[in-house]
Structures are given as C-alpha cells and as structure tokens.
Amino acid sequence: MPTTIIATPVRDTAFQRRVAKQLTFWWRRHGIAPAEVITRFERADHVFLGPFPISTRDDRPYAFVDCVVGQDRDAEFRAACAAEIRRVLEPEIPPDRTFIAIHRADPADHFAPTIHRTENR
C-alpha cells in the first residue's frame, strides 16, 4: 500500500485532488490497485533552513514529501517515483522546492482496516 505524505503550505483542494489522482494513475501503471494508493496532505507552515524560516528566504511554495514503497522497489524505481512526485506537484510547487524521501517497507508491516461491503438484498 504505497503512501505519500505531502507537507506544504498550499491549501488548494483542486491542487490536492489533481495530485492524488495523478499519483494514483502512476501507481496503477506500476501494478497497484487505485484503492490501495494513499495520498495525504499535511500543513507545513513553520519550516526552517537552519535558524531561518524558509518563507522569509523566498515566497515560492515548497513541499516536503515522504513516500513509503515496498521493500522490493529498486533504486531506479524509487528515482522514477521521486521524479513523478516532482512532476505532479508542478506548477504550484517548483521542482527545486520539493524535498522528497522515499522509504522502503515490508508490506507485511502495514495494517489497514478491512472494508466489509454488504450486498443489496
């Protein structure tokens, strides 16, 4: 279950939906069912470069991204994933303002609720 957490000061719902949709399509092309793709946005209002707030250096928006992928994903795949994240965050967030960490994890260590569907009778 790939999970992407994007911390940014950008609050536009249309931007968030577009990013989540494009990431879902990318993951689907790589064999993951859309219902298993998680994209979460968090607020990032107080970020510092050393002791200086990032917002005083430059008024351009930024994003800090943590993406968890399966432990079997190689370095080439992880680089492609990072490139796709940077691509879908544009134009709202410039590529040079997107900081990405890709973390590999054993899927067996991820637990999600089981969705029970009831049949219409």
PDB file of N, CA and C in Angstrom:
ATOM      1  N   MET A   1       0.841  -1.165   0.000  1.00  0.00           N
ATOM      2  CA  MET A   1       0.000   0.000   0.000  1.00  0.00           C
ATOM      3  C   MET A   1       0.895   1.239   0.000  1.00  0.00           C
ATOM      4  N   PRO A   2       1.232   1.764  -1.170  1.00  0.00           N
ATOM      5  CA  PRO A   2       2.094   2.950  -1.211  1.00  0.00           C
ATOM      6  C   PRO A   2       1.400   4.144  -0.558  1.00  0.00           C
ATOM      7  N   THR A   3       2.160   4.848   0.262  1.00  0.00           N
ATOM      8  CA  THR A   3       1.627   6.002   0.985  1.00  0.00           C
ATOM      9  C   THR A   3       2.515   7.202   0.718  1.00  0.00           C
ATOM     10  N   THR A   4       1.898   8.304   0.294  1.00  0.00           N
ATOM     11  CA  THR A   4       2.631   9.529   0.033  1.00  0.00           C
ATOM     12  C   THR A   4       2.063  10.614   0.941  1.00  0.00           C
ATOM     13  N   ILE A   5       2.931  11.200   1.755  1.00  0.00           N
ATOM     14  CA  ILE A   5       2.531  12.275   2.659  1.00  0.00           C
ATOM     15  C   ILE A   5       3.214  13.543   2.175  1.00  0.00           C
ATOM     16  N   ILE A   6       2.411  14.543   1.860  1.00  0.00           N
ATOM     17  CA  ILE A   6       2.920  15.788   1.294  1.00  0.00           C
ATOM     18  C   ILE A   6       2.631  16.920   2.279  1.00  0.00           C
ATOM     19  N   ALA A   7       3.681  17.498   2.828  1.00  0.00           N
ATOM     20  CA  ALA A   7       3.555  18.636   3.738  1.00  0.00           C
ATOM     21  C   ALA A   7       3.888  19.898   2.955  1.00  0.00           C
ATOM     22  N   THR A   8       2.923  20.803   2.865  1.00  0.00           N
ATOM     23  CA  THR A   8       3.084  22.017   2.070  1.00  0.00           C
ATOM     24  C   THR A   8       2.161  23.109   2.603  1.00  0.00           C
ATOM     25  N   PRO A   9       2.508  24.358   2.385  1.00  0.00           N
ATOM     26  CA  PRO A   9       1.579  25.431   2.761  1.00  0.00           C
ATOM     27  C   PRO A   9       0.455  25.613   1.732  1.00  0.00           C
ATOM     28  N   VAL A  10       0.525  24.976   0.587  1.00  0.00           N
ATOM     29  CA  VAL A  10      -0.510  25.094  -0.452  1.00  0.00           C
ATOM     30  C   VAL A  10      -1.764  24.375   0.044  1.00  0.00           C
ATOM     31  N   ARG A  11      -2.889  25.080   0.097  1.00  0.00           N
ATOM     32  CA  ARG A  11      -4.123  24.537   0.656  1.00  0.00           C
ATOM     33  C   ARG A  11      -5.218  24.304  -0.381  1.00  0.00           C
ATOM     34  N   ASP A  12      -4.967  24.530  -1.627  1.00  0.00           N
ATOM     35  CA  ASP A  12      -5.989  24.446  -2.665  1.00  0.00           C
ATOM     36  C   ASP A  12      -6.488  23.011  -2.854  1.00  0.00           C
ATOM     37  N   THR A  13      -7.788  22.793  -2.658  1.00  0.00           N
ATOM     38  CA  THR A  13      -8.371  21.458  -2.767  1.00  0.00           C
ATOM     39  C   THR A  13      -8.240  20.903  -4.181  1.00  0.00           C
ATOM     40  N   ALA A  14      -8.405  21.748  -5.186  1.00  0.00           N
ATOM     41  CA  ALA A  14      -8.271  21.281  -6.581  1.00  0.00           C
ATOM     42  C   ALA A  14      -6.853  20.777  -6.842  1.00  0.00           C
ATOM     43  N   PHE A  15      -5.861  21.473  -6.316  1.00  0.00           N
ATOM     44  CA  PHE A  15      -4.469  21.040  -6.427  1.00  0.00           C
ATOM     45  C   PHE A  15      -4.281  19.678  -5.757  1.00  0.00           C
ATOM     46  N   GLN A  16      -4.796  19.517  -4.551  1.00  0.00           N
ATOM     47  CA  GLN A  16      -4.639  18.265  -3.823  1.00  0.00           C
ATOM     48  C   GLN A  16      -5.310  17.105  -4.557  1.00  0.00           C
ATOM     49  N   ARG A  17      -6.502  17.322  -5.076  1.00  0.00           N
ATOM     50  CA  ARG A  17      -7.204  16.257  -5.804  1.00  0.00           C
ATOM     51  C   ARG A  17      -6.456  15.882  -7.081  1.00  0.00           C
ATOM     52  N   ARG A  18      -5.956  16.887  -7.798  1.00  0.00           N
ATOM     53  CA  ARG A  18      -5.206  16.616  -9.031  1.00  0.00           C
ATOM     54  C   ARG A  18      -3.963  15.803  -8.731  1.00  0.00           C
ATOM     55  N   VAL A  19      -3.226  16.173  -7.702  1.00  0.00           N
ATOM     56  CA  VAL A  19      -2.006  15.453  -7.332  1.00  0.00           C
ATOM     57  C   VAL A  19      -2.339  14.014  -6.937  1.00  0.00           C
ATOM     58  N   ALA A  20      -3.346  13.832  -6.085  1.00  0.00           N
ATOM     59  CA  ALA A  20      -3.728  12.480  -5.662  1.00  0.00           C
ATOM     60  C   ALA A  20      -4.156  11.637  -6.863  1.00  0.00           C
ATOM     61  N   LYS A  21      -4.902  12.212  -7.771  1.00  0.00           N
ATOM     62  CA  LYS A  21      -5.368  11.485  -8.960  1.00  0.00           C
ATOM     63  C   LYS A  21      -4.188  11.079  -9.841  1.00  0.00           C
ATOM     64  N   GLN A  22      -3.282  12.004 -10.097  1.00  0.00           N
ATOM     65  CA  GLN A  22      -2.149  11.691 -10.965  1.00  0.00           C
ATOM     66  C   GLN A  22      -1.224  10.657 -10.330  1.00  0.00           C
ATOM     67  N   LEU A  23      -1.008  10.744  -9.023  1.00  0.00           N
ATOM     68  CA  LEU A  23      -0.184   9.733  -8.361  1.00  0.00           C
ATOM     69  C   LEU A  23      -0.867   8.364  -8.401  1.00  0.00           C
ATOM     70  N   THR A  24      -2.177   8.343  -8.230  1.00  0.00           N
ATOM     71  CA  THR A  24      -2.917   7.084  -8.296  1.00  0.00           C
ATOM     72  C   THR A  24      -2.776   6.450  -9.671  1.00  0.00           C
ATOM     73  N   PHE A  25      -2.914   7.251 -10.719  1.00  0.00           N
ATOM     74  CA  PHE A  25      -2.744   6.714 -12.076  1.00  0.00           C
ATOM     75  C   PHE A  25      -1.334   6.184 -12.275  1.00  0.00           C
ATOM     76  N   TRP A  26      -0.319   6.877 -11.773  1.00  0.00           N
ATOM     77  CA  TRP A  26       1.069   6.414 -11.922  1.00  0.00           C
ATOM     78  C   TRP A  26       1.249   5.075 -11.222  1.00  0.00           C
ATOM     79  N   TRP A  27       0.723   4.964 -10.003  1.00  0.00           N
ATOM     80  CA  TRP A  27       0.844   3.706  -9.280  1.00  0.00           C
ATOM     81  C   TRP A  27       0.095   2.583  -9.989  1.00  0.00           C
ATOM     82  N   ARG A  28      -1.049   2.891 -10.563  1.00  0.00           N
ATOM     83  CA  ARG A  28      -1.809   1.868 -11.289  1.00  0.00           C
ATOM     84  C   ARG A  28      -0.988   1.334 -12.463  1.00  0.00           C
ATOM     85  N   ARG A  29      -0.275   2.220 -13.151  1.00  0.00           N
ATOM     86  CA  ARG A  29       0.593   1.774 -14.259  1.00  0.00           C
ATOM     87  C   ARG A  29       1.724   0.881 -13.757  1.00  0.00           C
ATOM     88  N   HIS A  30       1.986   0.918 -12.446  1.00  0.00           N
ATOM     89  CA  HIS A  30       3.035   0.092 -11.854  1.00  0.00           C
ATOM     90  C   HIS A  30       2.467  -1.057 -11.023  1.00  0.00           C
ATOM     91  N   GLY A  31       1.226  -1.443 -11.323  1.00  0.00           N
ATOM     92  CA  GLY A  31       0.650  -2.650 -10.751  1.00  0.00           C
ATOM     93  C   GLY A  31      -0.069  -2.530  -9.426  1.00  0.00           C
ATOM     94  N   ILE A  32      -0.346  -1.329  -8.974  1.00  0.00           N
ATOM     95  CA  ILE A  32      -1.036  -1.143  -7.693  1.00  0.00           C
ATOM     96  C   ILE A  32      -2.485  -0.728  -7.952  1.00  0.00           C
ATOM     97  N   ALA A  33      -3.408  -1.389  -7.287  1.00  0.00           N
ATOM     98  CA  ALA A  33      -4.827  -1.046  -7.422  1.00  0.00           C
ATOM     99  C   ALA A  33      -5.080   0.347  -6.838  1.00  0.00           C
ATOM    100  N   PRO A  34      -5.905   1.163  -7.504  1.00  0.00           N
ATOM    101  CA  PRO A  34      -6.169   2.522  -7.009  1.00  0.00           C
ATOM    102  C   PRO A  34      -6.645   2.570  -5.560  1.00  0.00           C
ATOM    103  N   ALA A  35      -7.414   1.591  -5.127  1.00  0.00           N
ATOM    104  CA  ALA A  35      -7.926   1.583  -3.747  1.00  0.00           C
ATOM    105  C   ALA A  35      -6.817   1.371  -2.718  1.00  0.00           C
ATOM    106  N   GLU A  36      -5.624   1.003  -3.170  1.00  0.00           N
ATOM    107  CA  GLU A  36      -4.508   0.772  -2.251  1.00  0.00           C
ATOM    108  C   GLU A  36      -3.527   1.942  -2.189  1.00  0.00           C
ATOM    109  N   VAL A  37      -3.785   3.001  -2.949  1.00  0.00           N
ATOM    110  CA  VAL A  37      -2.881   4.155  -3.001  1.00  0.00           C
ATOM    111  C   VAL A  37      -3.370   5.213  -2.015  1.00  0.00           C
ATOM    112  N   ILE A  38      -2.487   5.611  -1.107  1.00  0.00           N
ATOM    113  CA  ILE A  38      -2.840   6.644  -0.126  1.00  0.00           C
ATOM    114  C   ILE A  38      -2.005   7.887  -0.407  1.00  0.00           C
ATOM    115  N   THR A  39      -2.690   9.035  -0.506  1.00  0.00           N
ATOM    116  CA  THR A  39      -2.028  10.330  -0.623  1.00  0.00           C
ATOM    117  C   THR A  39      -2.621  11.216   0.463  1.00  0.00           C
ATOM    118  N   ARG A  40      -1.759  11.734   1.327  1.00  0.00           N
ATOM    119  CA  ARG A  40      -2.217  12.559   2.442  1.00  0.00           C
ATOM    120  C   ARG A  40      -1.480  13.895   2.427  1.00  0.00           C
ATOM    121  N   PHE A  41      -2.219  14.962   2.658  1.00  0.00           N
ATOM    122  CA  PHE A  41      -1.634  16.297   2.726  1.00  0.00           C
ATOM    123  C   PHE A  41      -1.619  16.777   4.170  1.00  0.00           C
ATOM    124  N   GLU A  42      -0.514  17.406   4.542  1.00  0.00           N
ATOM    125  CA  GLU A  42      -0.365  17.983   5.874  1.00  0.00           C
ATOM    126  C   GLU A  42       0.042  19.439   5.750  1.00  0.00           C
ATOM    127  N   ARG A  43      -0.229  20.194   6.783  1.00  0.00           N
ATOM    128  CA  ARG A  43       0.185  21.598   6.805  1.00  0.00           C
ATOM    129  C   ARG A  43       1.689  21.690   7.069  1.00  0.00           C
ATOM    130  N   ALA A  44       2.318  22.603   6.395  1.00  0.00           N
ATOM    131  CA  ALA A  44       3.748  22.874   6.621  1.00  0.00           C
ATOM    132  C   ALA A  44       3.923  24.387   6.663  1.00  0.00           C
ATOM    133  N   ASP A  45       3.556  24.972   7.790  1.00  0.00           N
ATOM    134  CA  ASP A  45       3.603  26.425   7.901  1.00  0.00           C
ATOM    135  C   ASP A  45       4.895  26.956   8.493  1.00  0.00           C
ATOM    136  N   HIS A  46       5.542  26.168   9.329  1.00  0.00           N
ATOM    137  CA  HIS A  46       6.739  26.641  10.022  1.00  0.00           C
ATOM    138  C   HIS A  46       7.896  25.700   9.718  1.00  0.00           C
ATOM    139  N   VAL A  47       8.618  26.020   8.640  1.00  0.00           N
ATOM    140  CA  VAL A  47       9.762  25.216   8.220  1.00  0.00           C
ATOM    141  C   VAL A  47      10.991  26.118   8.226  1.00  0.00           C
ATOM    142  N   PHE A  48      12.090  25.577   8.725  1.00  0.00           N
ATOM    143  CA  PHE A  48      13.299  26.375   8.865  1.00  0.00           C
ATOM    144  C   PHE A  48      14.450  25.766   8.078  1.00  0.00           C
ATOM    145  N   LEU A  49      15.242  26.604   7.475  1.00  0.00           N
ATOM    146  CA  LEU A  49      16.535  26.233   6.901  1.00  0.00           C
ATOM    147  C   LEU A  49      17.553  26.768   7.897  1.00  0.00           C
ATOM    148  N   GLY A  50      18.091  25.852   8.693  1.00  0.00           N
ATOM    149  CA  GLY A  50      18.909  26.314   9.811  1.00  0.00           C
ATOM    150  C   GLY A  50      17.995  27.093  10.740  1.00  0.00           C
ATOM    151  N   PRO A  51      18.423  28.274  11.197  1.00  0.00           N
ATOM    152  CA  PRO A  51      17.571  29.046  12.097  1.00  0.00           C
ATOM    153  C   PRO A  51      16.602  29.989  11.380  1.00  0.00           C
ATOM    154  N   PHE A  52      16.587  29.959  10.026  1.00  0.00           N
ATOM    155  CA  PHE A  52      15.804  30.923   9.265  1.00  0.00           C
ATOM    156  C   PHE A  52      14.542  30.291   8.688  1.00  0.00           C
ATOM    157  N   PRO A  53      13.397  30.928   8.900  1.00  0.00           N
ATOM    158  CA  PRO A  53      12.172  30.392   8.292  1.00  0.00           C
ATOM    159  C   PRO A  53      12.295  30.383   6.766  1.00  0.00           C
ATOM    160  N   ILE A  54      11.889  29.301   6.166  1.00  0.00           N
ATOM    161  CA  ILE A  54      12.015  29.162   4.723  1.00  0.00           C
ATOM    162  C   ILE A  54      11.195  30.223   3.995  1.00  0.00           C
ATOM    163  N   SER A  55      10.077  30.644   4.551  1.00  0.00           N
ATOM    164  CA  SER A  55       9.216  31.601   3.879  1.00  0.00           C
ATOM    165  C   SER A  55       9.839  32.989   3.765  1.00  0.00           C
ATOM    166  N   THR A  56      10.781  33.343   4.637  1.00  0.00           N
ATOM    167  CA  THR A  56      11.397  34.661   4.541  1.00  0.00           C
ATOM    168  C   THR A  56      12.485  34.692   3.474  1.00  0.00           C
ATOM    169  N   ARG A  57      12.996  33.528   3.088  1.00  0.00           N
ATOM    170  CA  ARG A  57      14.025  33.440   2.055  1.00  0.00           C
ATOM    171  C   ARG A  57      13.433  33.648   0.674  1.00  0.00           C
ATOM    172  N   ASP A  58      12.223  33.177   0.499  1.00  0.00           N
ATOM    173  CA  ASP A  58      11.650  33.117  -0.835  1.00  0.00           C
ATOM    174  C   ASP A  58      10.145  32.940  -0.686  1.00  0.00           C
ATOM    175  N   ASP A  59       9.368  33.614  -1.464  1.00  0.00           N
ATOM    176  CA  ASP A  59       7.910  33.498  -1.347  1.00  0.00           C
ATOM    177  C   ASP A  59       7.330  32.336  -2.133  1.00  0.00           C
ATOM    178  N   ARG A  60       8.160  31.572  -2.840  1.00  0.00           N
ATOM    179  CA  ARG A  60       7.640  30.435  -3.598  1.00  0.00           C
ATOM    180  C   ARG A  60       7.224  29.318  -2.652  1.00  0.00           C
ATOM    181  N   PRO A  61       6.153  28.582  -2.997  1.00  0.00           N
ATOM    182  CA  PRO A  61       5.727  27.474  -2.134  1.00  0.00           C
ATOM    183  C   PRO A  61       6.731  26.325  -2.175  1.00  0.00           C
ATOM    184  N   TYR A  62       6.592  25.423  -1.242  1.00  0.00           N
ATOM    185  CA  TYR A  62       7.502  24.286  -1.114  1.00  0.00           C
ATOM    186  C   TYR A  62       6.703  23.069  -0.674  1.00  0.00           C
ATOM    187  N   ALA A  63       7.336  21.899  -0.755  1.00  0.00           N
ATOM    188  CA  ALA A  63       6.715  20.666  -0.272  1.00  0.00           C
ATOM    189  C   ALA A  63       7.794  19.751   0.278  1.00  0.00           C
ATOM    190  N   PHE A  64       7.465  19.095   1.377  1.00  0.00           N
ATOM    191  CA  PHE A  64       8.287  18.036   1.935  1.00  0.00           C
ATOM    192  C   PHE A  64       7.466  16.760   1.794  1.00  0.00           C
ATOM    193  N   VAL A  65       8.041  15.770   1.107  1.00  0.00           N
ATOM    194  CA  VAL A  65       7.294  14.564   0.761  1.00  0.00           C
ATOM    195  C   VAL A  65       7.988  13.342   1.349  1.00  0.00           C
ATOM    196  N   ASP A  66       7.199  12.511   2.008  1.00  0.00           N
ATOM    197  CA  ASP A  66       7.655  11.198   2.461  1.00  0.00           C
ATOM    198  C   ASP A  66       6.797  10.180   1.736  1.00  0.00           C
ATOM    199  N   CYS A  67       7.446   9.251   1.041  1.00  0.00           N
ATOM    200  CA  CYS A  67       6.723   8.231   0.293  1.00  0.00           C
ATOM    201  C   CYS A  67       7.218   6.858   0.737  1.00  0.00           C
ATOM    202  N   VAL A  68       6.276   6.008   1.120  1.00  0.00           N
ATOM    203  CA  VAL A  68       6.604   4.651   1.547  1.00  0.00           C
ATOM    204  C   VAL A  68       6.235   3.699   0.417  1.00  0.00           C
ATOM    205  N   VAL A  69       7.230   2.895   0.004  1.00  0.00           N
ATOM    206  CA  VAL A  69       7.041   1.926  -1.072  1.00  0.00           C
ATOM    207  C   VAL A  69       7.469   0.544  -0.570  1.00  0.00           C
ATOM    208  N   GLY A  70       7.125  -0.473  -1.314  1.00  0.00           N
ATOM    209  CA  GLY A  70       7.508  -1.835  -0.953  1.00  0.00           C
ATOM    210  C   GLY A  70       9.017  -2.000  -0.945  1.00  0.00           C
ATOM    211  N   GLN A  71       9.507  -2.870  -0.076  1.00  0.00           N
ATOM    212  CA  GLN A  71      10.948  -3.066   0.067  1.00  0.00           C
ATOM    213  C   GLN A  71      11.593  -3.672  -1.177  1.00  0.00           C
ATOM    214  N   ASP A  72      10.785  -4.219  -2.077  1.00  0.00           N
ATOM    215  CA  ASP A  72      11.317  -4.809  -3.302  1.00  0.00           C
ATOM    216  C   ASP A  72      11.566  -3.776  -4.396  1.00  0.00           C
ATOM    217  N   ARG A  73      11.190  -2.528  -4.189  1.00  0.00           N
ATOM    218  CA  ARG A  73      11.375  -1.486  -5.207  1.00  0.00           C
ATOM    219  C   ARG A  73      12.837  -1.049  -5.232  1.00  0.00           C
ATOM    220  N   ASP A  74      13.458  -1.145  -6.415  1.00  0.00           N
ATOM    221  CA  ASP A  74      14.881  -0.843  -6.541  1.00  0.00           C
ATOM    222  C   ASP A  74      15.139   0.661  -6.667  1.00  0.00           C
ATOM    223  N   ALA A  75      16.419   1.017  -6.720  1.00  0.00           N
ATOM    224  CA  ALA A  75      16.820   2.427  -6.765  1.00  0.00           C
ATOM    225  C   ALA A  75      16.276   3.127  -8.010  1.00  0.00           C
ATOM    226  N   GLU A  76      16.255   2.444  -9.133  1.00  0.00           N
ATOM    227  CA  GLU A  76      15.719   3.043 -10.369  1.00  0.00           C
ATOM    228  C   GLU A  76      14.238   3.371 -10.214  1.00  0.00           C
ATOM    229  N   PHE A  77      13.490   2.454  -9.622  1.00  0.00           N
ATOM    230  CA  PHE A  77      12.069   2.691  -9.398  1.00  0.00           C
ATOM    231  C   PHE A  77      11.867   3.869  -8.443  1.00  0.00           C
ATOM    232  N   ARG A  78      12.626   3.898  -7.358  1.00  0.00           N
ATOM    233  CA  ARG A  78      12.483   4.974  -6.378  1.00  0.00           C
ATOM    234  C   ARG A  78      12.816   6.329  -6.995  1.00  0.00           C
ATOM    235  N   ALA A  79      13.817   6.385  -7.858  1.00  0.00           N
ATOM    236  CA  ALA A  79      14.149   7.637  -8.552  1.00  0.00           C
ATOM    237  C   ALA A  79      13.007   8.052  -9.486  1.00  0.00           C
ATOM    238  N   ALA A  80      12.407   7.079 -10.166  1.00  0.00           N
ATOM    239  CA  ALA A  80      11.270   7.374 -11.052  1.00  0.00           C
ATOM    240  C   ALA A  80      10.079   7.877 -10.237  1.00  0.00           C
ATOM    241  N   CYS A  81       9.867   7.288  -9.085  1.00  0.00           N
ATOM    242  CA  CYS A  81       8.782   7.717  -8.198  1.00  0.00           C
ATOM    243  C   CYS A  81       9.007   9.168  -7.756  1.00  0.00           C
ATOM    244  N   ALA A  82      10.210   9.501  -7.345  1.00  0.00           N
ATOM    245  CA  ALA A  82      10.527  10.871  -6.928  1.00  0.00           C
ATOM    246  C   ALA A  82      10.332  11.849  -8.081  1.00  0.00           C
ATOM    247  N   ALA A  83      10.748  11.467  -9.280  1.00  0.00           N
ATOM    248  CA  ALA A  83      10.578  12.332 -10.451  1.00  0.00           C
ATOM    249  C   ALA A  83       9.096  12.565 -10.735  1.00  0.00           C
ATOM    250  N   GLU A  84       8.285  11.525 -10.581  1.00  0.00           N
ATOM    251  CA  GLU A  84       6.846  11.667 -10.807  1.00  0.00           C
ATOM    252  C   GLU A  84       6.213  12.574  -9.757  1.00  0.00           C
ATOM    253  N   ILE A  85       6.620  12.436  -8.530  1.00  0.00           N
ATOM    254  CA  ILE A  85       6.097  13.313  -7.475  1.00  0.00           C
ATOM    255  C   ILE A  85       6.424  14.766  -7.797  1.00  0.00           C
ATOM    256  N   ARG A  86       7.669  15.024  -8.165  1.00  0.00           N
ATOM    257  CA  ARG A  86       8.045  16.401  -8.530  1.00  0.00           C
ATOM    258  C   ARG A  86       7.204  16.902  -9.700  1.00  0.00           C
ATOM    259  N   ARG A  87       6.993  16.041 -10.693  1.00  0.00           N
ATOM    260  CA  ARG A  87       6.238  16.432 -11.885  1.00  0.00           C
ATOM    261  C   ARG A  87       4.801  16.807 -11.543  1.00  0.00           C
ATOM    262  N   VAL A  88       4.125  15.974 -10.732  1.00  0.00           N
ATOM    263  CA  VAL A  88       2.711  16.233 -10.465  1.00  0.00           C
ATOM    264  C   VAL A  88       2.493  17.422  -9.525  1.00  0.00           C
ATOM    265  N   LEU A  89       3.504  17.798  -8.755  1.00  0.00           N
ATOM    266  CA  LEU A  89       3.361  18.957  -7.884  1.00  0.00           C
ATOM    267  C   LEU A  89       3.489  20.284  -8.639  1.00  0.00           C
ATOM    268  N   GLU A  90       4.026  20.217  -9.856  1.00  0.00           N
ATOM    269  CA  GLU A  90       4.138  21.430 -10.674  1.00  0.00           C
ATOM    270  C   GLU A  90       2.794  21.775 -11.289  1.00  0.00           C
ATOM    271  N   PRO A  91       2.511  23.008 -11.601  1.00  0.00           N
ATOM    272  CA  PRO A  91       3.367  24.189 -11.473  1.00  0.00           C
ATOM    273  C   PRO A  91       3.265  24.881 -10.114  1.00  0.00           C
ATOM    274  N   GLU A  92       2.342  24.416  -9.270  1.00  0.00           N
ATOM    275  CA  GLU A  92       2.158  25.091  -7.982  1.00  0.00           C
ATOM    276  C   GLU A  92       3.423  25.079  -7.126  1.00  0.00           C
ATOM    277  N   ILE A  93       4.138  23.971  -7.155  1.00  0.00           N
ATOM    278  CA  ILE A  93       5.366  23.868  -6.359  1.00  0.00           C
ATOM    279  C   ILE A  93       6.528  23.593  -7.308  1.00  0.00           C
ATOM    280  N   PRO A  94       7.491  24.507  -7.389  1.00  0.00           N
ATOM    281  CA  PRO A  94       8.628  24.323  -8.286  1.00  0.00           C
ATOM    282  C   PRO A  94       9.468  23.101  -7.881  1.00  0.00           C
ATOM    283  N   PRO A  95      10.038  22.396  -8.857  1.00  0.00           N
ATOM    284  CA  PRO A  95      10.844  21.205  -8.549  1.00  0.00           C
ATOM    285  C   PRO A  95      11.989  21.474  -7.570  1.00  0.00           C
ATOM    286  N   ASP A  96      12.585  22.661  -7.634  1.00  0.00           N
ATOM    287  CA  ASP A  96      13.698  22.955  -6.722  1.00  0.00           C
ATOM    288  C   ASP A  96      13.225  23.277  -5.308  1.00  0.00           C
ATOM    289  N   ARG A  97      11.907  23.242  -5.090  1.00  0.00           N
ATOM    290  CA  ARG A  97      11.351  23.481  -3.756  1.00  0.00           C
ATOM    291  C   ARG A  97      10.617  22.241  -3.241  1.00  0.00           C
ATOM    292  N   THR A  98      10.881  21.082  -3.864  1.00  0.00           N
ATOM    293  CA  THR A  98      10.255  19.829  -3.470  1.00  0.00           C
ATOM    294  C   THR A  98      11.333  18.916  -2.899  1.00  0.00           C
ATOM    295  N   PHE A  99      11.203  18.579  -1.638  1.00  0.00           N
ATOM    296  CA  PHE A  99      12.172  17.745  -0.928  1.00  0.00           C
ATOM    297  C   PHE A  99      11.516  16.387  -0.692  1.00  0.00           C
ATOM    298  N   ILE A 100      12.111  15.329  -1.220  1.00  0.00           N
ATOM    299  CA  ILE A 100      11.465  14.015  -1.222  1.00  0.00           C
ATOM    300  C   ILE A 100      12.341  12.972  -0.535  1.00  0.00           C
ATOM    301  N   ALA A 101      11.707  12.160   0.311  1.00  0.00           N
ATOM    302  CA  ALA A 101      12.348  10.993   0.914  1.00  0.00           C
ATOM    303  C   ALA A 101      11.494   9.780   0.557  1.00  0.00           C
ATOM    304  N   ILE A 102      12.124   8.773  -0.034  1.00  0.00           N
ATOM    305  CA  ILE A 102      11.441   7.532  -0.359  1.00  0.00           C
ATOM    306  C   ILE A 102      11.902   6.489   0.668  1.00  0.00           C
ATOM    307  N   HIS A 103      10.945   5.875   1.343  1.00  0.00           N
ATOM    308  CA  HIS A 103      11.247   4.877   2.368  1.00  0.00           C
ATOM    309  C   HIS A 103      10.726   3.523   1.905  1.00  0.00           C
ATOM    310  N   ARG A 104      11.558   2.503   2.019  1.00  0.00           N
ATOM    311  CA  ARG A 104      11.109   1.149   1.691  1.00  0.00           C
ATOM    312  C   ARG A 104      10.622   0.473   2.958  1.00  0.00           C
ATOM    313  N   ALA A 105       9.548  -0.302   2.813  1.00  0.00           N
ATOM    314  CA  ALA A 105       8.987  -1.003   3.970  1.00  0.00           C
ATOM    315  C   ALA A 105       8.456  -2.360   3.531  1.00  0.00           C
ATOM    316  N   ASP A 106       8.425  -3.271   4.471  1.00  0.00           N
ATOM    317  CA  ASP A 106       7.839  -4.582   4.236  1.00  0.00           C
ATOM    318  C   ASP A 106       6.325  -4.421   4.263  1.00  0.00           C
ATOM    319  N   PRO A 107       5.632  -4.767   3.188  1.00  0.00           N
ATOM    320  CA  PRO A 107       4.171  -4.623   3.174  1.00  0.00           C
ATOM    321  C   PRO A 107       3.489  -5.369   4.327  1.00  0.00           C
ATOM    322  N   ALA A 108       4.113  -6.418   4.831  1.00  0.00           N
ATOM    323  CA  ALA A 108       3.533  -7.168   5.949  1.00  0.00           C
ATOM    324  C   ALA A 108       3.489  -6.342   7.236  1.00  0.00           C
ATOM    325  N   ASP A 109       4.254  -5.250   7.274  1.00  0.00           N
ATOM    326  CA  ASP A 109       4.265  -4.392   8.459  1.00  0.00           C
ATOM    327  C   ASP A 109       3.255  -3.250   8.374  1.00  0.00           C
ATOM    328  N   HIS A 110       2.435  -3.239   7.335  1.00  0.00           N
ATOM    329  CA  HIS A 110       1.415  -2.202   7.164  1.00  0.00           C
ATOM    330  C   HIS A 110       0.044  -2.827   7.366  1.00  0.00           C
ATOM    331  N   PHE A 111      -0.730  -2.197   8.212  1.00  0.00           N
ATOM    332  CA  PHE A 111      -2.038  -2.736   8.545  1.00  0.00           C
ATOM    333  C   PHE A 111      -3.100  -1.692   8.213  1.00  0.00           C
ATOM    334  N   ALA A 112      -4.108  -2.109   7.496  1.00  0.00           N
ATOM    335  CA  ALA A 112      -5.199  -1.221   7.116  1.00  0.00           C
ATOM    336  C   ALA A 112      -6.509  -1.882   7.498  1.00  0.00           C
ATOM    337  N   PRO A 113      -7.533  -1.074   7.711  1.00  0.00           N
ATOM    338  CA  PRO A 113      -8.824  -1.671   8.061  1.00  0.00           C
ATOM    339  C   PRO A 113      -9.365  -2.492   6.886  1.00  0.00           C
ATOM    340  N   THR A 114     -10.047  -3.544   7.226  1.00  0.00           N
ATOM    341  CA  THR A 114     -10.696  -4.360   6.209  1.00  0.00           C
ATOM    342  C   THR A 114     -12.045  -3.726   5.916  1.00  0.00           C
ATOM    343  N   ILE A 115     -12.307  -3.513   4.664  1.00  0.00           N
ATOM    344  CA  ILE A 115     -13.570  -2.906   4.268  1.00  0.00           C
ATOM    345  C   ILE A 115     -14.564  -4.026   3.993  1.00  0.00           C
ATOM    346  N   HIS A 116     -15.659  -3.998   4.720  1.00  0.00           N
ATOM    347  CA  HIS A 116     -16.705  -5.001   4.538  1.00  0.00           C
ATOM    348  C   HIS A 116     -17.835  -4.354   3.753  1.00  0.00           C
ATOM    349  N   ARG A 117     -18.178  -4.956   2.633  1.00  0.00           N
ATOM    350  CA  ARG A 117     -19.290  -4.452   1.840  1.00  0.00           C
ATOM    351  C   ARG A 117     -20.489  -5.351   2.057  1.00  0.00           C
ATOM    352  N   THR A 118     -21.626  -4.720   2.191  1.00  0.00           N
ATOM    353  CA  THR A 118     -22.853  -5.505   2.329  1.00  0.00           C
ATOM    354  C   THR A 118     -23.535  -5.572   0.984  1.00  0.00           C
ATOM    355  N   GLU A 119     -24.086  -6.698   0.694  1.00  0.00           N
ATOM    356  CA  GLU A 119     -24.789  -6.861  -0.571  1.00  0.00           C
ATOM    357  C   GLU A 119     -26.209  -6.371  -0.431  1.00  0.00           C
ATOM    358  N   ASN A 120     -26.718  -5.769  -1.501  1.00  0.00           N
ATOM    359  CA  ASN A 120     -28.121  -5.368  -1.521  1.00  0.00           C
ATOM    360  C   ASN A 120     -28.969  -6.607  -1.731  1.00  0.00           C
ATOM    361  N   ARG A 121     -29.918  -6.816  -0.879  1.00  0.00           N
ATOM    362  CA  ARG A 121     -30.781  -7.998  -0.993  1.00  0.00           C
ATOM    363  C   ARG A 121     -32.169  -7.603  -1.348  1.00  0.00           C
TER     364      ARG A 121
END
